[in-house]
Structures are given as C-alpha cells and as structure tokens.
Amino acid sequence: MQATLIPVKTHTDVSEDFEGYKLILKHISDNPGHEKCSVVLQTSGTAPVYTRAEAMADETLQPAEELLRKILDKGIPVVLAAGNNDPYDENKKIINSAPQVYQDDEDFPLINVGAADFEGKRVRSSRYGDQLTIYAPGKDVASLPKEGLVSKSMTGTSIGE
C-alpha cells in the first residue's frame, strides 16, 4: 500500500485544528485501510498556557480532544512538535499547549517531539517535561523555505518533527 500525503494547514486557532482532524477522519472513512499507513503530524499548538488537567476541563478544547481520540482509536500515530519557548524564562520551558499536554502513555498516547542538536542534547529553546516523548534533530537543520529555492539553516521543534 502506498502512503498519501494530505497537507492540512492549521495555525494556533483551535477551530482550525478541529477542521483538520475532521478532514483526516473523513479521508480515513472514505479510504478503508488507509489508517494502517497513516501518521498525523502537527507542528502547532494553542497559545494559552495549560496543564493537562486544565486542557481536559476546557470546554472549548473538548471537540479537538474527542476528534484526536477517534484518530488514536483507529491506531493512527499522532506526532506533535513539543513547542518552542523563551529559553530565559523558567516558566515557559515545559510543554504547556494543547493538544500536546493531553499526552499520557496509556490514556492518550501522543508523540511529542522536542528539538535536539546533532550531539543529542536538548536545544535550549525546546520545550520538555513529563509529556515529552522523544527528541529529534532540530538545530541548524538545512531546510528549504517556501519563499525560495535556497536552503537555510533552521532551528525549532517543528524542524525536528
């Protein structure tokens, strides 16, 4: 079976996330068997600061939580950028955005990816904490920006994903 890339553009507006998740579920429903070769990648999260308990209790986020659960229940891995922070503010270093804060190995098995340098050390701006799953290269990664054909070096958790 061949994998198909289905780009869904969302930003930090949670209603865009709902629509993106709905499109993913519709594609899976319309194409039986595709859940076996699907992976969801999301490089953004909501801006408000949350703990897992706060995010789970926020009624505005419950539709996204329910849609993500449906995706996970189909056996589709969900990979998220852990997020970048202010490296000089101790209060902004742990994962604190939704849906990343939902991660729980048994109840909500999301894959939160932090950024590491090529020696495997956490990039100073990468969020971390109990809900971080893994690090991937995310510092000085040669990337091709949408503005042109000349590669540039980029750093961040979205790069590591």
Protein backbone atom coordinates (compact mmCIF):
# COMPACT_ATOMS: atom_id res chain seq x y z
CA MET A 1 0.00 0.00 0.00
CA GLN A 2 1.28 3.44 -0.92
CA ALA A 3 1.15 6.31 1.55
CA THR A 4 -0.53 9.55 0.53
CA LEU A 5 0.44 12.92 1.94
CA ILE A 6 -2.57 15.04 2.78
CA PRO A 7 -1.49 18.51 3.92
CA VAL A 8 -3.94 20.28 6.21
CA LYS A 9 -2.98 23.85 7.05
CA THR A 10 -3.85 24.96 10.57
CA HIS A 11 -2.40 27.56 12.88
CA THR A 12 -2.96 28.30 16.54
CA ASP A 13 -6.73 28.72 16.18
CA VAL A 14 -8.24 25.63 17.78
CA SER A 15 -11.22 25.69 15.39
CA GLU A 16 -8.76 25.13 12.51
CA ASP A 17 -7.43 22.10 14.37
CA PHE A 18 -11.00 20.71 14.59
CA GLU A 19 -11.40 21.09 10.84
CA GLY A 20 -8.03 19.46 10.21
CA TYR A 21 -8.89 16.48 12.40
CA LYS A 22 -12.28 16.17 10.68
CA LEU A 23 -10.56 16.10 7.27
CA ILE A 24 -8.23 13.35 8.49
CA LEU A 25 -11.13 11.25 9.80
CA LYS A 26 -13.11 11.80 6.59
CA HIS A 27 -10.15 10.66 4.47
CA ILE A 28 -9.78 7.53 6.60
CA SER A 29 -13.52 6.85 6.39
CA ASP A 30 -13.54 7.35 2.60
CA ASN A 31 -10.46 5.14 2.11
CA PRO A 32 -10.76 1.91 4.12
CA GLY A 33 -7.39 0.51 5.10
CA HIS A 34 -5.58 3.86 4.99
CA GLU A 35 -5.41 4.01 8.77
CA LYS A 36 -2.76 1.27 8.54
CA CYS A 37 -0.39 3.57 6.64
CA SER A 38 -1.28 6.93 8.19
CA VAL A 39 0.56 9.24 10.54
CA VAL A 40 -0.73 12.62 11.71
CA LEU A 41 1.92 15.35 12.04
CA GLN A 42 1.07 18.64 13.73
CA THR A 43 3.59 21.40 14.20
CA SER A 44 1.50 23.85 16.20
CA GLY A 45 -0.48 24.01 19.40
CA THR A 46 -2.76 26.51 21.09
CA ALA A 47 -1.25 29.63 22.60
CA PRO A 48 -2.81 29.56 26.10
CA VAL A 49 -0.78 28.02 28.89
CA TYR A 50 -2.30 24.79 30.15
CA THR A 51 -1.68 21.87 32.41
CA ARG A 52 -3.14 18.55 31.28
CA ALA A 53 -5.99 18.89 33.79
CA GLU A 54 -6.79 22.45 32.65
CA ALA A 55 -6.84 21.43 28.98
CA MET A 56 -9.07 18.41 29.66
CA ALA A 57 -11.51 20.65 31.57
CA ASP A 58 -11.60 23.42 28.93
CA GLU A 59 -14.92 23.05 27.10
CA THR A 60 -13.61 24.89 24.03
CA LEU A 61 -10.97 22.19 23.57
CA GLN A 62 -13.23 19.15 24.12
CA PRO A 63 -14.19 18.78 20.43
CA ALA A 64 -10.49 18.60 19.47
CA GLU A 65 -9.82 16.11 22.25
CA GLU A 66 -12.70 13.91 21.06
CA LEU A 67 -11.54 14.03 17.43
CA LEU A 68 -7.97 13.19 18.44
CA ARG A 69 -9.24 10.24 20.47
CA LYS A 70 -11.08 8.96 17.38
CA ILE A 71 -7.86 9.22 15.37
CA LEU A 72 -5.87 7.41 18.08
CA ASP A 73 -8.60 4.75 18.43
CA LYS A 74 -8.07 3.91 14.76
CA GLY A 75 -4.43 3.13 15.58
CA ILE A 76 -3.08 6.21 13.80
CA PRO A 77 0.00 7.70 15.47
CA VAL A 78 -0.22 11.43 16.22
CA VAL A 79 3.16 13.22 16.24
CA LEU A 80 3.36 16.77 17.59
CA ALA A 81 6.07 19.39 17.85
CA ALA A 82 6.67 19.88 21.58
CA GLY A 83 6.86 23.64 21.11
CA ASN A 84 9.47 26.32 21.45
CA ASN A 85 9.89 28.54 24.45
CA ASP A 86 11.65 31.55 25.84
CA PRO A 87 14.98 29.98 26.87
CA TYR A 88 15.44 32.64 29.54
CA ASP A 89 12.03 32.26 31.23
CA GLU A 90 11.89 29.25 33.56
CA ASN A 91 8.06 29.29 33.48
CA LYS A 92 7.95 28.76 29.71
CA LYS A 93 10.07 25.64 29.32
CA ILE A 94 7.71 22.72 29.84
CA ILE A 95 5.07 21.54 27.37
CA ASN A 96 2.01 23.67 28.07
CA SER A 97 -0.12 23.86 24.92
CA ALA A 98 -2.96 21.72 23.68
CA PRO A 99 -3.07 19.14 22.23
CA GLN A 100 0.49 18.39 23.40
CA VAL A 101 -0.49 18.43 27.09
CA TYR A 102 -3.02 15.63 26.53
CA GLN A 103 -0.14 13.15 26.17
CA ASP A 104 -0.38 10.19 28.52
CA ASP A 105 1.24 6.88 27.60
CA GLU A 106 -1.81 4.79 28.49
CA ASP A 107 -4.77 7.15 28.14
CA PHE A 108 -3.70 9.47 25.31
CA PRO A 109 -0.54 8.18 23.55
CA LEU A 110 0.59 11.24 21.59
CA ILE A 111 4.18 11.51 20.40
CA ASN A 112 5.62 14.89 21.45
CA VAL A 113 8.91 15.66 19.70
CA GLY A 114 11.45 18.05 21.17
CA ALA A 115 14.42 19.53 19.36
CA ALA A 116 17.98 18.28 19.92
CA ASP A 117 21.31 19.22 18.44
CA PHE A 118 23.33 16.73 16.44
CA GLU A 119 25.02 15.51 19.64
CA GLY A 120 21.64 14.58 21.10
CA LYS A 121 21.43 17.44 23.62
CA ARG A 122 18.20 19.37 24.04
CA VAL A 123 18.11 22.64 22.13
CA ARG A 124 17.76 25.40 24.70
CA SER A 125 14.53 26.67 23.15
CA SER A 126 12.83 23.25 23.01
CA ARG A 127 10.07 22.57 25.48
CA TYR A 128 10.44 19.48 27.63
CA GLY A 129 8.83 17.79 30.62
CA ASP A 130 6.95 14.64 31.56
CA GLN A 131 4.91 14.74 28.37
CA LEU A 132 7.91 14.81 26.02
CA THR A 133 8.26 11.53 24.15
CA ILE A 134 11.43 11.87 22.09
CA TYR A 135 13.98 14.31 20.69
CA ALA A 136 14.84 14.68 17.01
CA PRO A 137 17.39 16.86 15.21
CA GLY A 138 16.06 20.39 15.47
CA LYS A 139 19.07 22.71 15.48
CA ASP A 140 20.72 24.18 12.40
CA VAL A 141 18.81 21.84 10.10
CA ALA A 142 19.17 22.62 6.39
CA SER A 143 15.65 23.48 5.24
CA LEU A 144 14.04 24.74 2.09
CA PRO A 145 11.80 27.71 2.91
CA LYS A 146 8.59 28.30 0.98
CA GLU A 147 9.91 31.71 -0.14
CA GLY A 148 12.63 30.38 -2.39
CA LEU A 149 14.92 27.68 -3.63
CA VAL A 150 17.92 28.46 -1.44
CA SER A 151 18.22 26.33 1.68
CA LYS A 152 18.74 27.95 5.03
CA SER A 153 19.56 26.70 8.49
CA MET A 154 16.56 26.50 10.82
CA THR A 155 16.07 25.62 14.47
CA GLY A 156 12.95 24.56 16.41
CA THR A 157 10.71 21.66 17.36
CA SER A 158 8.75 21.85 14.10
CA ILE A 159 12.03 21.21 12.28
CA GLY A 160 12.74 18.12 14.42
CA GLU A 161 9.41 16.62 13.62
